[in-house]
């Protein structure tokens, strides 16, 4: 968040940064009022990451791969844990029943 704020000032995007801060501030209240969620909800780094990527000129097609790469070590650790605990179900939704598909760039999708 601090880096996003600094970069927003440098790039003249303070107003947009303020909008994201408002979302962070008002989101938990809205979730409580509209959805009835009582437990505290906090924004994570991903609230600001897309904003930072845009200011850095990173193409939107890379946002999802960046998101995945940032979590790859954790995902791998969870998988290794599943294998080492021999049969204990940690993430029952792990199995994918979809067939492999060829990647299609966003601009070619309908």
PDB file of N, CA and C in Angstrom:
ATOM      1  N   UNK A   1       0.831  -1.191   0.000  1.00  0.00           N
ATOM      2  CA  UNK A   1       0.000   0.000   0.000  1.00  0.00           C
ATOM      3  C   UNK A   1       0.875   1.255   0.000  1.00  0.00           C
ATOM      4  N   UNK A   2       1.941   1.224   0.795  1.00  0.00           N
ATOM      5  CA  UNK A   2       2.827   2.391   0.844  1.00  0.00           C
ATOM      6  C   UNK A   2       3.494   2.635  -0.506  1.00  0.00           C
ATOM      7  N   UNK A   3       3.927   1.549  -1.157  1.00  0.00           N
ATOM      8  CA  UNK A   3       4.538   1.695  -2.475  1.00  0.00           C
ATOM      9  C   UNK A   3       3.513   2.223  -3.479  1.00  0.00           C
ATOM     10  N   UNK A   4       2.293   1.723  -3.403  1.00  0.00           N
ATOM     11  CA  UNK A   4       1.231   2.184  -4.306  1.00  0.00           C
ATOM     12  C   UNK A   4       0.981   3.672  -4.101  1.00  0.00           C
ATOM     13  N   UNK A   5       0.979   4.119  -2.848  1.00  0.00           N
ATOM     14  CA  UNK A   5       0.766   5.542  -2.551  1.00  0.00           C
ATOM     15  C   UNK A   5       1.896   6.388  -3.133  1.00  0.00           C
ATOM     16  N   UNK A   6       3.135   5.949  -2.909  1.00  0.00           N
ATOM     17  CA  UNK A   6       4.297   6.682  -3.419  1.00  0.00           C
ATOM     18  C   UNK A   6       4.270   6.753  -4.940  1.00  0.00           C
ATOM     19  N   UNK A   7       3.992   5.629  -5.572  1.00  0.00           N
ATOM     20  CA  UNK A   7       3.943   5.580  -7.032  1.00  0.00           C
ATOM     21  C   UNK A   7       2.793   6.427  -7.568  1.00  0.00           C
ATOM     22  N   UNK A   8       1.655   6.411  -6.886  1.00  0.00           N
ATOM     23  CA  UNK A   8       0.502   7.214  -7.312  1.00  0.00           C
ATOM     24  C   UNK A   8       0.851   8.699  -7.305  1.00  0.00           C
ATOM     25  N   UNK A   9       1.563   9.142  -6.276  1.00  0.00           N
ATOM     26  CA  UNK A   9       1.985  10.551  -6.219  1.00  0.00           C
ATOM     27  C   UNK A   9       2.919  10.868  -7.376  1.00  0.00           C
ATOM     28  N   UNK A  10       3.865   9.980  -7.611  1.00  0.00           N
ATOM     29  CA  UNK A  10       4.842  10.177  -8.682  1.00  0.00           C
ATOM     30  C   UNK A  10       4.172  10.214 -10.054  1.00  0.00           C
ATOM     31  N   UNK A  11       3.130   9.388 -10.253  1.00  0.00           N
ATOM     32  CA  UNK A  11       2.470   9.265 -11.552  1.00  0.00           C
ATOM     33  C   UNK A  11       1.237  10.159 -11.685  1.00  0.00           C
ATOM     34  N   UNK A  12       0.946  10.971 -10.663  1.00  0.00           N
ATOM     35  CA  UNK A  12      -0.231  11.839 -10.723  1.00  0.00           C
ATOM     36  C   UNK A  12      -1.544  11.080 -10.633  1.00  0.00           C
ATOM     37  N   UNK A  13      -1.554   9.987  -9.889  1.00  0.00           N
ATOM     38  CA  UNK A  13      -2.746   9.138  -9.767  1.00  0.00           C
ATOM     39  C   UNK A  13      -3.309   9.132  -8.339  1.00  0.00           C
ATOM     40  N   UNK A  14      -3.112  10.250  -7.608  1.00  0.00           N
ATOM     41  CA  UNK A  14      -3.576  10.305  -6.218  1.00  0.00           C
ATOM     42  C   UNK A  14      -5.082  10.117  -6.101  1.00  0.00           C
ATOM     43  N   UNK A  15      -5.839  10.660  -7.047  1.00  0.00           N
ATOM     44  CA  UNK A  15      -7.298  10.539  -6.977  1.00  0.00           C
ATOM     45  C   UNK A  15      -7.729   9.071  -7.110  1.00  0.00           C
ATOM     46  N   UNK A  16      -7.130   8.375  -8.031  1.00  0.00           N
ATOM     47  CA  UNK A  16      -7.458   6.950  -8.206  1.00  0.00           C
ATOM     48  C   UNK A  16      -7.022   6.143  -6.980  1.00  0.00           C
ATOM     49  N   UNK A  17      -5.861   6.482  -6.428  1.00  0.00           N
ATOM     50  CA  UNK A  17      -5.408   5.815  -5.210  1.00  0.00           C
ATOM     51  C   UNK A  17      -6.407   6.066  -4.080  1.00  0.00           C
ATOM     52  N   UNK A  18      -6.906   7.290  -3.986  1.00  0.00           N
ATOM     53  CA  UNK A  18      -7.914   7.615  -2.972  1.00  0.00           C
ATOM     54  C   UNK A  18      -9.169   6.770  -3.131  1.00  0.00           C
ATOM     55  N   UNK A  19      -9.561   6.504  -4.365  1.00  0.00           N
ATOM     56  CA  UNK A  19     -10.724   5.649  -4.617  1.00  0.00           C
ATOM     57  C   UNK A  19     -10.483   4.240  -4.066  1.00  0.00           C
ATOM     58  N   UNK A  20      -9.302   3.707  -4.309  1.00  0.00           N
ATOM     59  CA  UNK A  20      -8.983   2.365  -3.815  1.00  0.00           C
ATOM     60  C   UNK A  20      -8.936   2.358  -2.289  1.00  0.00           C
ATOM     61  N   UNK A  21      -8.389   3.411  -1.694  1.00  0.00           N
ATOM     62  CA  UNK A  21      -8.400   3.509  -0.225  1.00  0.00           C
ATOM     63  C   UNK A  21      -9.827   3.554   0.308  1.00  0.00           C
ATOM     64  N   UNK A  22     -10.715   4.239  -0.410  1.00  0.00           N
ATOM     65  CA  UNK A  22     -12.126   4.285   0.002  1.00  0.00           C
ATOM     66  C   UNK A  22     -12.756   2.899  -0.056  1.00  0.00           C
ATOM     67  N   UNK A  23     -12.430   2.146  -1.087  1.00  0.00           N
ATOM     68  CA  UNK A  23     -12.936   0.772  -1.197  1.00  0.00           C
ATOM     69  C   UNK A  23     -12.448  -0.048  -0.007  1.00  0.00           C
ATOM     70  N   UNK A  24     -11.180   0.104   0.326  1.00  0.00           N
ATOM     71  CA  UNK A  24     -10.619  -0.628   1.469  1.00  0.00           C
ATOM     72  C   UNK A  24     -11.325  -0.236   2.772  1.00  0.00           C
ATOM     73  N   UNK A  25     -11.606   1.036   2.933  1.00  0.00           N
ATOM     74  CA  UNK A  25     -12.238   1.531   4.157  1.00  0.00           C
ATOM     75  C   UNK A  25     -13.713   1.146   4.243  1.00  0.00           C
ATOM     76  N   UNK A  26     -14.441   1.261   3.114  1.00  0.00           N
ATOM     77  CA  UNK A  26     -15.887   1.045   3.121  1.00  0.00           C
ATOM     78  C   UNK A  26     -16.296  -0.411   2.888  1.00  0.00           C
ATOM     79  N   UNK A  27     -15.415  -1.199   2.288  1.00  0.00           N
ATOM     80  CA  UNK A  27     -15.737  -2.592   1.972  1.00  0.00           C
ATOM     81  C   UNK A  27     -16.210  -3.410   3.155  1.00  0.00           C
ATOM     82  N   UNK A  28     -15.473  -3.410   4.272  1.00  0.00           N
ATOM     83  CA  UNK A  28     -15.911  -4.208   5.421  1.00  0.00           C
ATOM     84  C   UNK A  28     -17.282  -3.786   5.953  1.00  0.00           C
ATOM     85  N   UNK A  29     -17.539  -2.482   5.969  1.00  0.00           N
ATOM     86  CA  UNK A  29     -18.837  -1.974   6.426  1.00  0.00           C
ATOM     87  C   UNK A  29     -19.950  -2.437   5.486  1.00  0.00           C
ATOM     88  N   UNK A  30     -19.693  -2.363   4.202  1.00  0.00           N
ATOM     89  CA  UNK A  30     -20.669  -2.793   3.209  1.00  0.00           C
ATOM     90  C   UNK A  30     -20.947  -4.295   3.323  1.00  0.00           C
ATOM     91  N   UNK A  31     -19.906  -5.087   3.496  1.00  0.00           N
ATOM     92  CA  UNK A  31     -20.083  -6.535   3.650  1.00  0.00           C
ATOM     93  C   UNK A  31     -20.915  -6.847   4.893  1.00  0.00           C
ATOM     94  N   UNK A  32     -20.683  -6.091   5.948  1.00  0.00           N
ATOM     95  CA  UNK A  32     -21.449  -6.301   7.174  1.00  0.00           C
ATOM     96  C   UNK A  32     -22.917  -5.952   6.952  1.00  0.00           C
ATOM     97  N   UNK A  33     -23.181  -4.804   6.333  1.00  0.00           N
ATOM     98  CA  UNK A  33     -24.555  -4.325   6.156  1.00  0.00           C
ATOM     99  C   UNK A  33     -25.327  -5.116   5.100  1.00  0.00           C
ATOM    100  N   UNK A  34     -24.709  -5.412   3.983  1.00  0.00           N
ATOM    101  CA  UNK A  34     -25.400  -6.058   2.868  1.00  0.00           C
ATOM    102  C   UNK A  34     -25.420  -7.579   3.004  1.00  0.00           C
ATOM    103  N   UNK A  35     -24.296  -8.152   3.392  1.00  0.00           N
ATOM    104  CA  UNK A  35     -24.192  -9.617   3.437  1.00  0.00           C
ATOM    105  C   UNK A  35     -24.340 -10.193   4.836  1.00  0.00           C
ATOM    106  N   UNK A  36     -24.361  -9.332   5.843  1.00  0.00           N
ATOM    107  CA  UNK A  36     -24.509  -9.808   7.208  1.00  0.00           C
ATOM    108  C   UNK A  36     -23.271 -10.489   7.753  1.00  0.00           C
ATOM    109  N   UNK A  37     -22.114 -10.198   7.180  1.00  0.00           N
ATOM    110  CA  UNK A  37     -20.862 -10.803   7.640  1.00  0.00           C
ATOM    111  C   UNK A  37     -20.368 -10.017   8.847  1.00  0.00           C
ATOM    112  N   UNK A  38     -20.261 -10.694   9.969  1.00  0.00           N
ATOM    113  CA  UNK A  38     -19.913 -10.030  11.224  1.00  0.00           C
ATOM    114  C   UNK A  38     -18.409  -9.973  11.483  1.00  0.00           C
ATOM    115  N   UNK A  39     -17.675 -10.980  11.031  1.00  0.00           N
ATOM    116  CA  UNK A  39     -16.247 -10.999  11.349  1.00  0.00           C
ATOM    117  C   UNK A  39     -15.513  -9.911  10.559  1.00  0.00           C
ATOM    118  N   UNK A  40     -14.440  -9.375  11.124  1.00  0.00           N
ATOM    119  CA  UNK A  40     -13.688  -8.310  10.437  1.00  0.00           C
ATOM    120  C   UNK A  40     -13.099  -8.805   9.116  1.00  0.00           C
ATOM    121  N   UNK A  41     -13.202  -7.983   8.098  1.00  0.00           N
ATOM    122  CA  UNK A  41     -12.653  -8.305   6.781  1.00  0.00           C
ATOM    123  C   UNK A  41     -11.627  -7.232   6.447  1.00  0.00           C
ATOM    124  N   UNK A  42     -10.443  -7.666   6.072  1.00  0.00           N
ATOM    125  CA  UNK A  42      -9.382  -6.726   5.717  1.00  0.00           C
ATOM    126  C   UNK A  42      -8.968  -6.962   4.268  1.00  0.00           C
ATOM    127  N   UNK A  43      -8.606  -5.878   3.607  1.00  0.00           N
ATOM    128  CA  UNK A  43      -8.109  -5.989   2.233  1.00  0.00           C
ATOM    129  C   UNK A  43      -6.714  -6.600   2.264  1.00  0.00           C
ATOM    130  N   UNK A  44      -6.393  -7.364   1.230  1.00  0.00           N
ATOM    131  CA  UNK A  44      -5.027  -7.869   1.129  1.00  0.00           C
ATOM    132  C   UNK A  44      -4.290  -7.092   0.043  1.00  0.00           C
ATOM    133  N   UNK A  45      -3.075  -7.463  -0.209  1.00  0.00           N
ATOM    134  CA  UNK A  45      -2.215  -6.749  -1.149  1.00  0.00           C
ATOM    135  C   UNK A  45      -2.803  -6.674  -2.553  1.00  0.00           C
ATOM    136  N   UNK A  46      -3.624  -7.636  -2.913  1.00  0.00           N
ATOM    137  CA  UNK A  46      -4.151  -7.678  -4.274  1.00  0.00           C
ATOM    138  C   UNK A  46      -5.118  -6.540  -4.576  1.00  0.00           C
ATOM    139  N   UNK A  47      -5.628  -5.872  -3.551  1.00  0.00           N
ATOM    140  CA  UNK A  47      -6.472  -4.706  -3.798  1.00  0.00           C
ATOM    141  C   UNK A  47      -5.666  -3.627  -4.524  1.00  0.00           C
ATOM    142  N   UNK A  48      -4.397  -3.522  -4.201  1.00  0.00           N
ATOM    143  CA  UNK A  48      -3.548  -2.479  -4.776  1.00  0.00           C
ATOM    144  C   UNK A  48      -2.674  -2.972  -5.931  1.00  0.00           C
ATOM    145  N   UNK A  49      -2.479  -4.270  -6.068  1.00  0.00           N
ATOM    146  CA  UNK A  49      -1.513  -4.770  -7.050  1.00  0.00           C
ATOM    147  C   UNK A  49      -1.894  -4.430  -8.488  1.00  0.00           C
ATOM    148  N   UNK A  50      -3.151  -4.584  -8.866  1.00  0.00           N
ATOM    149  CA  UNK A  50      -3.559  -4.249 -10.230  1.00  0.00           C
ATOM    150  C   UNK A  50      -3.337  -2.780 -10.551  1.00  0.00           C
ATOM    151  N   UNK A  51      -3.592  -1.926  -9.564  1.00  0.00           N
ATOM    152  CA  UNK A  51      -3.368  -0.483  -9.707  1.00  0.00           C
ATOM    153  C   UNK A  51      -1.883  -0.203  -9.958  1.00  0.00           C
ATOM    154  N   UNK A  52      -1.023  -0.855  -9.189  1.00  0.00           N
ATOM    155  CA  UNK A  52       0.422  -0.687  -9.361  1.00  0.00           C
ATOM    156  C   UNK A  52       0.859  -1.215 -10.723  1.00  0.00           C
ATOM    157  N   UNK A  53       0.369  -2.396 -11.102  1.00  0.00           N
ATOM    158  CA  UNK A  53       0.719  -2.951 -12.412  1.00  0.00           C
ATOM    159  C   UNK A  53       0.343  -1.979 -13.532  1.00  0.00           C
ATOM    160  N   UNK A  54      -0.841  -1.388 -13.440  1.00  0.00           N
ATOM    161  CA  UNK A  54      -1.294  -0.446 -14.474  1.00  0.00           C
ATOM    162  C   UNK A  54      -0.369   0.765 -14.539  1.00  0.00           C
ATOM    163  N   UNK A  55       0.009   1.301 -13.374  1.00  0.00           N
ATOM    164  CA  UNK A  55       0.897   2.470 -13.364  1.00  0.00           C
ATOM    165  C   UNK A  55       2.276   2.133 -13.919  1.00  0.00           C
ATOM    166  N   UNK A  56       2.692   0.880 -13.780  1.00  0.00           N
ATOM    167  CA  UNK A  56       3.993   0.458 -14.301  1.00  0.00           C
ATOM    168  C   UNK A  56       3.931   0.081 -15.781  1.00  0.00           C
ATOM    169  N   UNK A  57       2.725   0.129 -16.361  1.00  0.00           N
ATOM    170  CA  UNK A  57       2.570  -0.180 -17.779  1.00  0.00           C
ATOM    171  C   UNK A  57       2.573  -1.668 -18.086  1.00  0.00           C
ATOM    172  N   UNK A  58       2.286  -2.493 -17.093  1.00  0.00           N
ATOM    173  CA  UNK A  58       2.256  -3.944 -17.288  1.00  0.00           C
ATOM    174  C   UNK A  58       0.927  -4.320 -17.946  1.00  0.00           C
ATOM    175  N   UNK A  59       0.943  -5.101 -19.028  1.00  0.00           N
ATOM    176  CA  UNK A  59      -0.298  -5.483 -19.717  1.00  0.00           C
ATOM    177  C   UNK A  59      -1.224  -6.302 -18.808  1.00  0.00           C
ATOM    178  N   UNK A  60      -2.520  -6.089 -18.955  1.00  0.00           N
ATOM    179  CA  UNK A  60      -3.509  -6.790 -18.132  1.00  0.00           C
ATOM    180  C   UNK A  60      -3.411  -8.306 -18.268  1.00  0.00           C
ATOM    181  N   UNK A  61      -2.978  -8.798 -19.425  1.00  0.00           N
ATOM    182  CA  UNK A  61      -2.871 -10.245 -19.621  1.00  0.00           C
ATOM    183  C   UNK A  61      -1.888 -10.883 -18.645  1.00  0.00           C
ATOM    184  N   UNK A  62      -0.991 -10.083 -18.066  1.00  0.00           N
ATOM    185  CA  UNK A  62       0.007 -10.629 -17.144  1.00  0.00           C
ATOM    186  C   UNK A  62      -0.436 -10.578 -15.686  1.00  0.00           C
ATOM    187  N   UNK A  63      -1.531  -9.903 -15.374  1.00  0.00           N
ATOM    188  CA  UNK A  63      -1.961  -9.775 -13.976  1.00  0.00           C
ATOM    189  C   UNK A  63      -2.213 -11.148 -13.347  1.00  0.00           C
ATOM    190  N   UNK A  64      -2.949 -12.008 -14.025  1.00  0.00           N
ATOM    191  CA  UNK A  64      -3.264 -13.326 -13.466  1.00  0.00           C
ATOM    192  C   UNK A  64      -2.011 -14.190 -13.324  1.00  0.00           C
ATOM    193  N   UNK A  65      -1.128 -14.250 -14.341  1.00  0.00           N
ATOM    194  CA  UNK A  65       0.110 -15.009 -14.130  1.00  0.00           C
ATOM    195  C   UNK A  65       0.952 -14.466 -12.971  1.00  0.00           C
ATOM    196  N   UNK A  66       1.013 -13.145 -12.806  1.00  0.00           N
ATOM    197  CA  UNK A  66       1.750 -12.571 -11.673  1.00  0.00           C
ATOM    198  C   UNK A  66       1.125 -13.014 -10.356  1.00  0.00           C
ATOM    199  N   UNK A  67      -0.208 -12.985 -10.299  1.00  0.00           N
ATOM    200  CA  UNK A  67      -0.933 -13.426  -9.106  1.00  0.00           C
ATOM    201  C   UNK A  67      -0.565 -14.874  -8.788  1.00  0.00           C
ATOM    202  N   UNK A  68      -0.579 -15.715  -9.815  1.00  0.00           N
ATOM    203  CA  UNK A  68      -0.278 -17.136  -9.614  1.00  0.00           C
ATOM    204  C   UNK A  68       1.175 -17.346  -9.200  1.00  0.00           C
ATOM    205  N   UNK A  69       2.099 -16.662  -9.864  1.00  0.00           N
ATOM    206  CA  UNK A  69       3.515 -16.828  -9.532  1.00  0.00           C
ATOM    207  C   UNK A  69       3.811 -16.422  -8.097  1.00  0.00           C
ATOM    208  N   UNK A  70       3.124 -15.379  -7.628  1.00  0.00           N
ATOM    209  CA  UNK A  70       3.344 -14.917  -6.260  1.00  0.00           C
ATOM    210  C   UNK A  70       2.925 -15.966  -5.240  1.00  0.00           C
ATOM    211  N   UNK A  71       2.055 -16.876  -5.628  1.00  0.00           N
ATOM    212  CA  UNK A  71       1.540 -17.890  -4.706  1.00  0.00           C
ATOM    213  C   UNK A  71       2.084 -19.290  -4.967  1.00  0.00           C
ATOM    214  N   UNK A  72       2.884 -19.418  -5.985  1.00  0.00           N
ATOM    215  CA  UNK A  72       3.343 -20.741  -6.406  1.00  0.00           C
ATOM    216  C   UNK A  72       4.068 -21.505  -5.301  1.00  0.00           C
ATOM    217  N   UNK A  73       4.936 -20.846  -4.567  1.00  0.00           N
ATOM    218  CA  UNK A  73       5.664 -21.535  -3.493  1.00  0.00           C
ATOM    219  C   UNK A  73       4.695 -22.071  -2.449  1.00  0.00           C
ATOM    220  N   UNK A  74       3.695 -21.287  -2.092  1.00  0.00           N
ATOM    221  CA  UNK A  74       2.701 -21.731  -1.114  1.00  0.00           C
ATOM    222  C   UNK A  74       1.879 -22.899  -1.626  1.00  0.00           C
ATOM    223  N   UNK A  75       1.464 -22.815  -2.886  1.00  0.00           N
ATOM    224  CA  UNK A  75       0.694 -23.913  -3.479  1.00  0.00           C
ATOM    225  C   UNK A  75       1.529 -25.195  -3.509  1.00  0.00           C
ATOM    226  N   UNK A  76       2.803 -25.054  -3.891  1.00  0.00           N
ATOM    227  CA  UNK A  76       3.684 -26.225  -3.942  1.00  0.00           C
ATOM    228  C   UNK A  76       3.870 -26.812  -2.543  1.00  0.00           C
ATOM    229  N   UNK A  77       4.022 -25.953  -1.549  1.00  0.00           N
ATOM    230  CA  UNK A  77       4.181 -26.430  -0.172  1.00  0.00           C
ATOM    231  C   UNK A  77       2.937 -27.187   0.281  1.00  0.00           C
ATOM    232  N   UNK A  78       1.759 -26.683  -0.059  1.00  0.00           N
ATOM    233  CA  UNK A  78       0.517 -27.381   0.298  1.00  0.00           C
ATOM    234  C   UNK A  78       0.449 -28.748  -0.382  1.00  0.00           C
ATOM    235  N   UNK A  79       0.842 -28.813  -1.631  1.00  0.00           N
ATOM    236  CA  UNK A  79       0.800 -30.084  -2.358  1.00  0.00           C
ATOM    237  C   UNK A  79       1.782 -31.084  -1.747  1.00  0.00           C
ATOM    238  N   UNK A  80       2.981 -30.600  -1.420  1.00  0.00           N
ATOM    239  CA  UNK A  80       3.968 -31.478  -0.786  1.00  0.00           C
ATOM    240  C   UNK A  80       3.440 -31.983   0.556  1.00  0.00           C
ATOM    241  N   UNK A  81       2.787 -31.110   1.287  1.00  0.00           N
ATOM    242  CA  UNK A  81       2.204 -31.510   2.567  1.00  0.00           C
ATOM    243  C   UNK A  81       1.153 -32.597   2.356  1.00  0.00           C
ATOM    244  N   UNK A  82       0.323 -32.434   1.329  1.00  0.00           N
ATOM    245  CA  UNK A  82      -0.689 -33.448   1.028  1.00  0.00           C
ATOM    246  C   UNK A  82      -0.041 -34.803   0.747  1.00  0.00           C
ATOM    247  N   UNK A  83       1.051 -34.774   0.005  1.00  0.00           N
ATOM    248  CA  UNK A  83       1.724 -36.025  -0.345  1.00  0.00           C
ATOM    249  C   UNK A  83       2.387 -36.671   0.872  1.00  0.00           C
ATOM    250  N   UNK A  84       2.949 -35.854   1.747  1.00  0.00           N
ATOM    251  CA  UNK A  84       3.654 -36.386   2.911  1.00  0.00           C
ATOM    252  C   UNK A  84       2.723 -36.873   4.012  1.00  0.00           C
ATOM    253  N   UNK A  85       1.495 -36.347   4.073  1.00  0.00           N
ATOM    254  CA  UNK A  85       0.577 -36.779   5.127  1.00  0.00           C
ATOM    255  C   UNK A  85      -0.174 -38.030   4.697  1.00  0.00           C
ATOM    256  N   UNK A  86       0.153 -38.549   3.561  1.00  0.00           N
ATOM    257  CA  UNK A  86      -0.347 -39.832   3.064  1.00  0.00           C
ATOM    258  C   UNK A  86      -1.835 -40.049   3.248  1.00  0.00           C
ATOM    259  N   UNK A  87      -2.594 -39.490   2.361  1.00  0.00           N
ATOM    260  CA  UNK A  87      -4.023 -39.783   2.342  1.00  0.00           C
ATOM    261  C   UNK A  87      -4.897 -38.814   3.110  1.00  0.00           C
ATOM    262  N   UNK A  88      -4.308 -38.011   3.957  1.00  0.00           N
ATOM    263  CA  UNK A  88      -5.126 -37.053   4.686  1.00  0.00           C
ATOM    264  C   UNK A  88      -5.637 -36.006   3.698  1.00  0.00           C
ATOM    265  N   UNK A  89      -6.931 -35.752   3.702  1.00  0.00           N
ATOM    266  CA  UNK A  89      -7.514 -34.804   2.755  1.00  0.00           C
ATOM    267  C   UNK A  89      -7.404 -33.396   3.326  1.00  0.00           C
ATOM    268  N   UNK A  90      -6.575 -32.589   2.685  1.00  0.00           N
ATOM    269  CA  UNK A  90      -6.404 -31.208   3.117  1.00  0.00           C
ATOM    270  C   UNK A  90      -7.230 -30.286   2.223  1.00  0.00           C
ATOM    271  N   UNK A  91      -7.200 -30.556   0.923  1.00  0.00           N
ATOM    272  CA  UNK A  91      -7.942 -29.747  -0.040  1.00  0.00           C
ATOM    273  C   UNK A  91      -8.743 -30.687  -0.932  1.00  0.00           C
ATOM    274  N   UNK A  92      -9.940 -31.067  -0.527  1.00  0.00           N
ATOM    275  CA  UNK A  92     -10.703 -32.049  -1.298  1.00  0.00           C
ATOM    276  C   UNK A  92     -11.074 -31.597  -2.707  1.00  0.00           C
ATOM    277  N   UNK A  93     -11.058 -30.309  -2.993  1.00  0.00           N
ATOM    278  CA  UNK A  93     -11.422 -29.826  -4.328  1.00  0.00           C
ATOM    279  C   UNK A  93     -10.215 -29.813  -5.267  1.00  0.00           C
ATOM    280  N   UNK A  94      -9.144 -30.467  -4.905  1.00  0.00           N
ATOM    281  CA  UNK A  94      -7.908 -30.423  -5.683  1.00  0.00           C
ATOM    282  C   UNK A  94      -8.044 -31.041  -7.069  1.00  0.00           C
ATOM    283  N   UNK A  95      -8.744 -32.156  -7.194  1.00  0.00           N
ATOM    284  CA  UNK A  95      -8.835 -32.864  -8.472  1.00  0.00           C
ATOM    285  C   UNK A  95      -9.562 -32.038  -9.522  1.00  0.00           C
ATOM    286  N   UNK A  96      -8.968 -31.963 -10.702  1.00  0.00           N
ATOM    287  CA  UNK A  96      -9.589 -31.261 -11.815  1.00  0.00           C
ATOM    288  C   UNK A  96     -10.080 -32.291 -12.826  1.00  0.00           C
ATOM    289  N   UNK A  97     -11.305 -32.138 -13.254  1.00  0.00           N
ATOM    290  CA  UNK A  97     -11.879 -33.072 -14.220  1.00  0.00           C
ATOM    291  C   UNK A  97     -12.007 -32.440 -15.604  1.00  0.00           C
ATOM    292  N   UNK A  98     -11.439 -31.242 -15.765  1.00  0.00           N
ATOM    293  CA  UNK A  98     -11.472 -30.570 -17.058  1.00  0.00           C
ATOM    294  C   UNK A  98     -10.375 -31.124 -17.958  1.00  0.00           C
ATOM    295  N   UNK A  99     -10.639 -31.121 -19.248  1.00  0.00           N
ATOM    296  CA  UNK A  99      -9.615 -31.519 -20.208  1.00  0.00           C
ATOM    297  C   UNK A  99      -8.703 -30.322 -20.443  1.00  0.00           C
ATOM    298  N   UNK A 100      -7.447 -30.595 -20.801  1.00  0.00           N
ATOM    299  CA  UNK A 100      -6.517 -29.519 -21.113  1.00  0.00           C
ATOM    300  C   UNK A 100      -7.026 -28.737 -22.315  1.00  0.00           C
ATOM    301  N   UNK A 101      -6.840 -27.420 -22.251  1.00  0.00           N
ATOM    302  CA  UNK A 101      -7.262 -26.562 -23.355  1.00  0.00           C
ATOM    303  C   UNK A 101      -6.078 -25.742 -23.841  1.00  0.00           C
ATOM    304  N   UNK A 102      -6.134 -25.337 -25.083  1.00  0.00           N
ATOM    305  CA  UNK A 102      -5.092 -24.499 -25.654  1.00  0.00           C
ATOM    306  C   UNK A 102      -5.342 -23.062 -25.220  1.00  0.00           C
ATOM    307  N   UNK A 103      -4.274 -22.364 -24.794  1.00  0.00           N
ATOM    308  CA  UNK A 103      -4.393 -20.977 -24.369  1.00  0.00           C
ATOM    309  C   UNK A 103      -4.785 -20.094 -25.546  1.00  0.00           C
ATOM    310  N   UNK A 104      -5.748 -19.198 -25.311  1.00  0.00           N
ATOM    311  CA  UNK A 104      -6.176 -18.250 -26.327  1.00  0.00           C
ATOM    312  C   UNK A 104      -5.987 -16.842 -25.750  1.00  0.00           C
ATOM    313  N   UNK A 105      -5.229 -15.966 -26.427  1.00  0.00           N
ATOM    314  CA  UNK A 105      -5.030 -14.611 -25.929  1.00  0.00           C
ATOM    315  C   UNK A 105      -6.366 -13.891 -25.711  1.00  0.00           C
ATOM    316  N   UNK A 106      -6.402 -12.980 -24.750  1.00  0.00           N
ATOM    317  CA  UNK A 106      -7.638 -12.277 -24.395  1.00  0.00           C
ATOM    318  C   UNK A 106      -8.291 -11.602 -25.594  1.00  0.00           C
ATOM    319  N   UNK A 107      -7.505 -10.983 -26.450  1.00  0.00           N
ATOM    320  CA  UNK A 107      -8.083 -10.227 -27.575  1.00  0.00           C
ATOM    321  C   UNK A 107      -8.789 -11.131 -28.588  1.00  0.00           C
ATOM    322  N   UNK A 108      -8.484 -12.445 -28.564  1.00  0.00           N
ATOM    323  CA  UNK A 108      -9.108 -13.385 -29.501  1.00  0.00           C
ATOM    324  C   UNK A 108     -10.317 -14.097 -28.908  1.00  0.00           C
ATOM    325  N   UNK A 109     -10.594 -13.840 -27.620  1.00  0.00           N
ATOM    326  CA  UNK A 109     -11.737 -14.492 -26.966  1.00  0.00           C
ATOM    327  C   UNK A 109     -13.013 -13.720 -27.248  1.00  0.00           C
ATOM    328  N   UNK A 110     -14.142 -14.431 -27.259  1.00  0.00           N
ATOM    329  CA  UNK A 110     -15.416 -13.741 -27.512  1.00  0.00           C
ATOM    330  C   UNK A 110     -16.119 -13.439 -26.213  1.00  0.00           C
TER     331      UNK A 110
END
